Amino acid sequence: MTKEALMEKMFKCKLACDHCFEMCLQEEDANAMVDCIRTDRECSEVCGMVLQLGNRDSVVFNEIVTSCVKICKACAEECEKHAEHHEHCKECAEACRECEAACETFLK
């Protein structure tokens, strides 16, 4: 996988996480969505860091991509718990799974 293809998946994941985060805050029982909100935020931040460092050809790029695998997996797992009832969680989980796979492929 090229770095450019990875960055496209990363951007898509960041947008999905940001959207899910905002929608979870608007849920009737936002307190029930705390873990989802937290992982959305963390995943978005890590994806954003990958995007920034990738544009700078950072020496720690691969290490951050490795961290991204972990947070994308965690975010997908959390969103999948709510995917049946919330479309934004379903879409976020799918984007996170795609990003997780892209990161793993890139690191090989």
C-alpha atoms as a PDB file:
ATOM      1  CA  MET A   1       0.000   0.000   0.000  1.00  0.00           C
ATOM      2  CA  THR A   2       1.304   3.421  -0.894  1.00  0.00           C
ATOM      3  CA  LYS A   3       1.600   6.173   1.659  1.00  0.00           C
ATOM      4  CA  GLU A   4      -0.917   8.204  -0.351  1.00  0.00           C
ATOM      5  CA  ALA A   5      -3.500   5.400  -0.211  1.00  0.00           C
ATOM      6  CA  LEU A   6      -2.914   5.078   3.527  1.00  0.00           C
ATOM      7  CA  MET A   7      -3.424   8.805   3.983  1.00  0.00           C
ATOM      8  CA  GLU A   8      -6.754   8.632   2.129  1.00  0.00           C
ATOM      9  CA  LYS A   9      -8.020   5.891   4.486  1.00  0.00           C
ATOM     10  CA  MET A  10      -6.682   7.876   7.438  1.00  0.00           C
ATOM     11  CA  PHE A  11      -8.560  11.014   6.381  1.00  0.00           C
ATOM     12  CA  LYS A  12     -11.787   9.052   5.844  1.00  0.00           C
ATOM     13  CA  CYS A  13     -11.424   7.475   9.292  1.00  0.00           C
ATOM     14  CA  LYS A  14     -10.757  10.833  10.950  1.00  0.00           C
ATOM     15  CA  LEU A  15     -13.876  12.325   9.367  1.00  0.00           C
ATOM     16  CA  ALA A  16     -16.015   9.329  10.388  1.00  0.00           C
ATOM     17  CA  CYS A  17     -14.735   9.513  13.968  1.00  0.00           C
ATOM     18  CA  ASP A  18     -15.374  13.251  14.155  1.00  0.00           C
ATOM     19  CA  HIS A  19     -18.915  12.765  12.839  1.00  0.00           C
ATOM     20  CA  CYS A  20     -19.625   9.874  15.215  1.00  0.00           C
ATOM     21  CA  PHE A  21     -18.256  11.897  18.132  1.00  0.00           C
ATOM     22  CA  GLU A  22     -20.585  14.805  17.361  1.00  0.00           C
ATOM     23  CA  MET A  23     -23.614  12.581  16.811  1.00  0.00           C
ATOM     24  CA  CYS A  24     -22.999  10.607  20.020  1.00  0.00           C
ATOM     25  CA  LEU A  25     -22.970  13.879  21.966  1.00  0.00           C
ATOM     26  CA  GLN A  26     -26.448  14.583  20.581  1.00  0.00           C
ATOM     27  CA  GLU A  27     -27.890  11.199  21.550  1.00  0.00           C
ATOM     28  CA  GLU A  28     -30.754  11.240  24.040  1.00  0.00           C
ATOM     29  CA  ASP A  29     -28.627   9.300  26.531  1.00  0.00           C
ATOM     30  CA  ALA A  30     -25.151  10.635  25.755  1.00  0.00           C
ATOM     31  CA  ASN A  31     -23.900   9.180  29.054  1.00  0.00           C
ATOM     32  CA  ALA A  32     -24.417   5.706  27.594  1.00  0.00           C
ATOM     33  CA  MET A  33     -22.106   6.703  24.749  1.00  0.00           C
ATOM     34  CA  VAL A  34     -19.146   7.854  26.869  1.00  0.00           C
ATOM     35  CA  ASP A  35     -16.791   5.070  25.766  1.00  0.00           C
ATOM     36  CA  CYS A  36     -17.765   5.580  22.143  1.00  0.00           C
ATOM     37  CA  ILE A  37     -17.201   9.327  22.399  1.00  0.00           C
ATOM     38  CA  ARG A  38     -13.813   8.772  24.038  1.00  0.00           C
ATOM     39  CA  THR A  39     -12.558   6.307  21.435  1.00  0.00           C
ATOM     40  CA  ASP A  40     -13.918   8.448  18.578  1.00  0.00           C
ATOM     41  CA  ARG A  41     -11.953  11.403  19.893  1.00  0.00           C
ATOM     42  CA  GLU A  42      -8.753   9.456  20.461  1.00  0.00           C
ATOM     43  CA  CYS A  43      -8.944   7.766  17.076  1.00  0.00           C
ATOM     44  CA  SER A  44      -9.539  11.082  15.320  1.00  0.00           C
ATOM     45  CA  GLU A  45      -6.566  12.626  17.114  1.00  0.00           C
ATOM     46  CA  VAL A  46      -4.220   9.744  16.262  1.00  0.00           C
ATOM     47  CA  CYS A  47      -5.367   9.747  12.626  1.00  0.00           C
ATOM     48  CA  GLY A  48      -4.775  13.490  12.533  1.00  0.00           C
ATOM     49  CA  MET A  49      -1.281  12.976  13.910  1.00  0.00           C
ATOM     50  CA  VAL A  50      -0.556  10.361  11.236  1.00  0.00           C
ATOM     51  CA  LEU A  51      -1.751  12.791   8.564  1.00  0.00           C
ATOM     52  CA  GLN A  52       0.435  15.593   9.907  1.00  0.00           C
ATOM     53  CA  LEU A  53       3.540  13.472  10.395  1.00  0.00           C
ATOM     54  CA  GLY A  54       3.089  11.792   7.041  1.00  0.00           C
ATOM     55  CA  ASN A  55       3.169  15.150   5.332  1.00  0.00           C
ATOM     56  CA  ARG A  56       6.450  15.946   7.119  1.00  0.00           C
ATOM     57  CA  ASP A  57       8.152  12.602   6.451  1.00  0.00           C
ATOM     58  CA  SER A  58       8.608  12.183  10.204  1.00  0.00           C
ATOM     59  CA  VAL A  59      11.119   9.673  11.542  1.00  0.00           C
ATOM     60  CA  VAL A  60       8.424   8.341  13.915  1.00  0.00           C
ATOM     61  CA  PHE A  61       5.780   7.897  11.207  1.00  0.00           C
ATOM     62  CA  ASN A  62       5.741   4.088  11.324  1.00  0.00           C
ATOM     63  CA  GLU A  63       5.496   4.086  15.124  1.00  0.00           C
ATOM     64  CA  ILE A  64       2.460   6.355  14.995  1.00  0.00           C
ATOM     65  CA  VAL A  65       0.909   4.175  12.278  1.00  0.00           C
ATOM     66  CA  THR A  66       1.420   1.200  14.618  1.00  0.00           C
ATOM     67  CA  SER A  67      -0.422   3.100  17.353  1.00  0.00           C
ATOM     68  CA  CYS A  68      -3.150   3.913  14.858  1.00  0.00           C
ATOM     69  CA  VAL A  69      -3.777   0.191  14.320  1.00  0.00           C
ATOM     70  CA  LYS A  70      -4.519  -0.151  18.032  1.00  0.00           C
ATOM     71  CA  ILE A  71      -6.841   2.829  18.380  1.00  0.00           C
ATOM     72  CA  CYS A  72      -8.701   2.048  15.136  1.00  0.00           C
ATOM     73  CA  LYS A  73      -9.318  -1.485  16.411  1.00  0.00           C
ATOM     74  CA  ALA A  74     -10.520  -0.187  19.791  1.00  0.00           C
ATOM     75  CA  CYS A  75     -12.772   2.428  18.199  1.00  0.00           C
ATOM     76  CA  ALA A  76     -14.253  -0.076  15.745  1.00  0.00           C
ATOM     77  CA  GLU A  77     -14.975  -2.529  18.549  1.00  0.00           C
ATOM     78  CA  GLU A  78     -16.699   0.158  20.617  1.00  0.00           C
ATOM     79  CA  CYS A  79     -18.723   1.533  17.701  1.00  0.00           C
ATOM     80  CA  GLU A  80     -19.771  -1.975  16.686  1.00  0.00           C
ATOM     81  CA  LYS A  81     -21.528  -2.281  20.061  1.00  0.00           C
ATOM     82  CA  HIS A  82     -23.857   0.552  18.986  1.00  0.00           C
ATOM     83  CA  ALA A  83     -23.975  -0.024  15.210  1.00  0.00           C
ATOM     84  CA  GLU A  84     -27.355  -1.745  15.291  1.00  0.00           C
ATOM     85  CA  HIS A  85     -29.015   1.360  16.744  1.00  0.00           C
ATOM     86  CA  HIS A  86     -26.863   4.205  15.407  1.00  0.00           C
ATOM     87  CA  GLU A  87     -25.926   4.571  11.744  1.00  0.00           C
ATOM     88  CA  HIS A  88     -23.082   6.950  12.610  1.00  0.00           C
ATOM     89  CA  CYS A  89     -21.511   4.252  14.792  1.00  0.00           C
ATOM     90  CA  LYS A  90     -21.874   1.693  12.003  1.00  0.00           C
ATOM     91  CA  GLU A  91     -20.194   4.012   9.506  1.00  0.00           C
ATOM     92  CA  CYS A  92     -17.439   4.865  11.964  1.00  0.00           C
ATOM     93  CA  ALA A  93     -16.755   1.204  12.736  1.00  0.00           C
ATOM     94  CA  GLU A  94     -16.462   0.456   9.013  1.00  0.00           C
ATOM     95  CA  ALA A  95     -14.056   3.363   8.436  1.00  0.00           C
ATOM     96  CA  CYS A  96     -11.974   2.323  11.444  1.00  0.00           C
ATOM     97  CA  ARG A  97     -11.752  -1.282  10.221  1.00  0.00           C
ATOM     98  CA  GLU A  98     -10.657  -0.067   6.778  1.00  0.00           C
ATOM     99  CA  CYS A  99      -8.045   2.218   8.330  1.00  0.00           C
ATOM    100  CA  GLU A 100      -6.816  -0.536  10.654  1.00  0.00           C
ATOM    101  CA  ALA A 101      -6.361  -2.878   7.681  1.00  0.00           C
ATOM    102  CA  ALA A 102      -4.657  -0.154   5.629  1.00  0.00           C
ATOM    103  CA  CYS A 103      -2.213   0.538   8.467  1.00  0.00           C
ATOM    104  CA  GLU A 104      -1.387  -3.142   8.819  1.00  0.00           C
ATOM    105  CA  THR A 105      -0.847  -3.499   5.084  1.00  0.00           C
ATOM    106  CA  PHE A 106       1.327  -0.376   4.969  1.00  0.00           C
ATOM    107  CA  LEU A 107       3.528  -1.626   7.813  1.00  0.00           C
ATOM    108  CA  LYS A 108       4.271  -4.982   6.096  1.00  0.00           C
END
